[in-house]
Amino acid sequence: MTEIIFEVREDDADGGYTAAALGVGIHTQGETLDELRANVKEAVDCYFDETMAAPKMIRLHFVRDEVMAR
């Protein structure tokens, strides 16, 4: 695996951000974007041990819902 992609969403109810890796069971959160980035790196390091090939690149894909009134 050369790249891992996280889907990032802003938590409207509680604030902060949540991130979930696509195709891999890694989930994390952070109150700020800087905290989220650090937590994503830590989660990836914890998931991939020395027997597994860790991804060289982590991509954060931000998903934003927009509601428009008519």
N, C-alpha and C. Protein backbone atom coordinates (compact mmCIF):
# COMPACT_ATOMS: atom_id res chain seq x y z
N MET A 1 0.85 -1.18 0.00
CA MET A 1 0.00 0.00 0.00
C MET A 1 0.90 1.24 0.00
N THR A 2 0.73 2.08 -0.99
CA THR A 2 1.56 3.29 -1.05
C THR A 2 0.84 4.51 -0.49
N GLU A 3 -0.49 4.44 -0.43
CA GLU A 3 -1.27 5.59 0.03
C GLU A 3 -2.49 5.10 0.81
N ILE A 4 -2.85 5.86 1.84
CA ILE A 4 -4.07 5.60 2.58
C ILE A 4 -4.89 6.89 2.57
N ILE A 5 -6.20 6.75 2.36
CA ILE A 5 -7.07 7.93 2.27
C ILE A 5 -8.04 7.92 3.43
N PHE A 6 -8.12 9.06 4.10
CA PHE A 6 -9.08 9.26 5.19
C PHE A 6 -10.17 10.20 4.74
N GLU A 7 -11.41 9.83 5.02
CA GLU A 7 -12.55 10.71 4.79
C GLU A 7 -12.73 11.53 6.08
N VAL A 8 -12.65 12.84 5.95
CA VAL A 8 -12.72 13.74 7.12
C VAL A 8 -14.03 14.51 7.07
N ARG A 9 -14.71 14.52 8.20
CA ARG A 9 -15.97 15.27 8.33
C ARG A 9 -15.90 16.16 9.56
N GLU A 10 -16.48 17.34 9.43
CA GLU A 10 -16.61 18.23 10.58
C GLU A 10 -17.84 17.79 11.37
N ASP A 11 -17.69 17.70 12.68
CA ASP A 11 -18.79 17.28 13.55
C ASP A 11 -19.62 18.49 13.93
N ASP A 12 -20.78 18.64 13.29
CA ASP A 12 -21.63 19.80 13.52
C ASP A 12 -22.18 19.86 14.94
N ALA A 13 -22.48 18.72 15.52
CA ALA A 13 -23.11 18.68 16.84
C ALA A 13 -22.12 19.02 17.96
N ASP A 14 -20.95 18.40 17.94
CA ASP A 14 -20.00 18.55 19.04
C ASP A 14 -18.78 19.40 18.69
N GLY A 15 -18.63 19.76 17.43
CA GLY A 15 -17.43 20.47 17.00
C GLY A 15 -16.30 19.48 16.76
N GLY A 16 -15.23 19.95 16.22
CA GLY A 16 -14.09 19.08 15.94
C GLY A 16 -14.27 18.33 14.63
N TYR A 17 -13.43 17.32 14.44
CA TYR A 17 -13.38 16.58 13.19
C TYR A 17 -13.27 15.08 13.47
N THR A 18 -13.83 14.27 12.57
CA THR A 18 -13.65 12.82 12.62
C THR A 18 -13.03 12.38 11.30
N ALA A 19 -12.23 11.31 11.37
CA ALA A 19 -11.58 10.78 10.17
C ALA A 19 -11.70 9.27 10.16
N ALA A 20 -12.03 8.70 9.01
CA ALA A 20 -12.13 7.26 8.84
C ALA A 20 -11.38 6.86 7.57
N ALA A 21 -10.49 5.88 7.70
CA ALA A 21 -9.73 5.40 6.55
C ALA A 21 -10.64 4.59 5.64
N LEU A 22 -10.48 4.76 4.35
CA LEU A 22 -11.27 4.02 3.37
C LEU A 22 -10.63 2.65 3.15
N GLY A 23 -11.41 1.60 3.39
CA GLY A 23 -10.95 0.24 3.16
C GLY A 23 -10.10 -0.34 4.27
N VAL A 24 -9.87 0.42 5.33
CA VAL A 24 -9.07 -0.04 6.46
C VAL A 24 -9.78 0.40 7.73
N GLY A 25 -9.75 -0.40 8.77
CA GLY A 25 -10.48 -0.09 10.01
C GLY A 25 -9.76 0.88 10.92
N ILE A 26 -9.47 2.06 10.43
CA ILE A 26 -8.82 3.08 11.25
C ILE A 26 -9.75 4.28 11.36
N HIS A 27 -10.04 4.70 12.60
CA HIS A 27 -10.88 5.86 12.86
C HIS A 27 -10.24 6.70 13.95
N THR A 28 -10.36 8.00 13.84
CA THR A 28 -9.83 8.88 14.87
C THR A 28 -10.57 10.21 14.82
N GLN A 29 -10.22 11.10 15.73
CA GLN A 29 -10.88 12.40 15.80
C GLN A 29 -9.92 13.43 16.35
N GLY A 30 -10.30 14.69 16.26
CA GLY A 30 -9.52 15.78 16.84
C GLY A 30 -10.37 17.03 16.96
N GLU A 31 -10.06 17.83 17.96
CA GLU A 31 -10.81 19.08 18.16
C GLU A 31 -10.43 20.14 17.12
N THR A 32 -9.18 20.12 16.68
CA THR A 32 -8.68 21.06 15.67
C THR A 32 -8.10 20.26 14.51
N LEU A 33 -7.84 20.94 13.41
CA LEU A 33 -7.22 20.25 12.27
C LEU A 33 -5.81 19.78 12.60
N ASP A 34 -5.06 20.58 13.35
CA ASP A 34 -3.71 20.16 13.74
C ASP A 34 -3.75 18.91 14.62
N GLU A 35 -4.69 18.87 15.57
CA GLU A 35 -4.85 17.70 16.42
C GLU A 35 -5.29 16.49 15.61
N LEU A 36 -6.19 16.70 14.66
CA LEU A 36 -6.64 15.60 13.81
C LEU A 36 -5.49 15.03 13.00
N ARG A 37 -4.69 15.90 12.41
CA ARG A 37 -3.54 15.43 11.61
C ARG A 37 -2.59 14.58 12.46
N ALA A 38 -2.29 15.05 13.67
CA ALA A 38 -1.41 14.30 14.57
C ALA A 38 -2.03 12.96 14.94
N ASN A 39 -3.34 12.95 15.22
CA ASN A 39 -4.03 11.71 15.60
C ASN A 39 -4.10 10.73 14.44
N VAL A 40 -4.26 11.22 13.21
CA VAL A 40 -4.27 10.35 12.04
C VAL A 40 -2.91 9.67 11.89
N LYS A 41 -1.83 10.44 12.00
CA LYS A 41 -0.49 9.86 11.89
C LYS A 41 -0.26 8.80 12.96
N GLU A 42 -0.67 9.10 14.19
CA GLU A 42 -0.51 8.16 15.29
C GLU A 42 -1.33 6.88 15.05
N ALA A 43 -2.56 7.05 14.57
CA ALA A 43 -3.42 5.90 14.32
C ALA A 43 -2.84 5.00 13.22
N VAL A 44 -2.30 5.60 12.18
CA VAL A 44 -1.68 4.83 11.10
C VAL A 44 -0.46 4.08 11.63
N ASP A 45 0.36 4.76 12.44
CA ASP A 45 1.55 4.11 13.01
C ASP A 45 1.16 2.93 13.90
N CYS A 46 0.07 3.07 14.66
CA CYS A 46 -0.37 1.99 15.54
C CYS A 46 -0.96 0.82 14.75
N TYR A 47 -1.65 1.10 13.67
CA TYR A 47 -2.31 0.05 12.89
C TYR A 47 -1.31 -0.81 12.13
N PHE A 48 -0.33 -0.17 11.50
CA PHE A 48 0.65 -0.89 10.69
C PHE A 48 1.88 -1.18 11.53
N ASP A 49 2.05 -2.45 11.95
CA ASP A 49 3.22 -2.81 12.73
C ASP A 49 4.38 -3.15 11.79
N GLU A 50 5.48 -3.63 12.38
CA GLU A 50 6.69 -3.89 11.59
C GLU A 50 6.54 -5.04 10.60
N THR A 51 5.48 -5.86 10.73
CA THR A 51 5.27 -6.97 9.80
C THR A 51 4.44 -6.55 8.58
N MET A 52 3.90 -5.33 8.62
CA MET A 52 3.03 -4.86 7.54
C MET A 52 3.69 -3.66 6.85
N ALA A 53 3.49 -3.55 5.55
CA ALA A 53 4.01 -2.40 4.81
C ALA A 53 3.10 -1.20 5.05
N ALA A 54 3.62 -0.20 5.72
CA ALA A 54 2.85 1.01 6.01
C ALA A 54 2.81 1.90 4.76
N PRO A 55 1.72 2.65 4.58
CA PRO A 55 1.63 3.54 3.43
C PRO A 55 2.65 4.67 3.54
N LYS A 56 3.16 5.09 2.40
CA LYS A 56 4.12 6.18 2.36
C LYS A 56 3.44 7.55 2.40
N MET A 57 2.16 7.59 1.98
CA MET A 57 1.44 8.86 1.93
C MET A 57 0.08 8.71 2.60
N ILE A 58 -0.31 9.74 3.35
CA ILE A 58 -1.63 9.80 3.97
C ILE A 58 -2.36 10.97 3.32
N ARG A 59 -3.54 10.68 2.79
CA ARG A 59 -4.35 11.73 2.14
C ARG A 59 -5.61 11.96 2.97
N LEU A 60 -5.90 13.23 3.25
CA LEU A 60 -7.12 13.60 3.95
C LEU A 60 -8.10 14.17 2.94
N HIS A 61 -9.25 13.52 2.81
CA HIS A 61 -10.29 13.96 1.87
C HIS A 61 -11.41 14.58 2.70
N PHE A 62 -11.57 15.89 2.59
CA PHE A 62 -12.57 16.60 3.39
C PHE A 62 -13.93 16.55 2.70
N VAL A 63 -14.93 16.08 3.45
CA VAL A 63 -16.29 15.97 2.96
C VAL A 63 -17.11 17.02 3.68
N ARG A 64 -17.81 17.82 2.91
CA ARG A 64 -18.60 18.90 3.49
C ARG A 64 -20.01 18.84 2.94
N ASP A 65 -20.96 18.78 3.83
CA ASP A 65 -22.36 18.81 3.43
C ASP A 65 -22.83 20.26 3.47
N GLU A 66 -23.57 20.64 2.46
CA GLU A 66 -24.13 21.99 2.41
C GLU A 66 -25.62 21.88 2.16
N VAL A 67 -26.39 22.50 3.02
CA VAL A 67 -27.83 22.47 2.90
C VAL A 67 -28.30 23.85 2.46
N MET A 68 -29.11 23.88 1.43
CA MET A 68 -29.61 25.15 0.91
C MET A 68 -31.13 25.16 1.04
N ALA A 69 -31.64 26.26 1.53
CA ALA A 69 -33.11 26.41 1.63
C ALA A 69 -33.62 26.96 0.31
N ARG A 70 -34.85 26.60 -0.01
CA ARG A 70 -35.46 27.12 -1.24
C ARG A 70 -36.44 28.20 -0.94
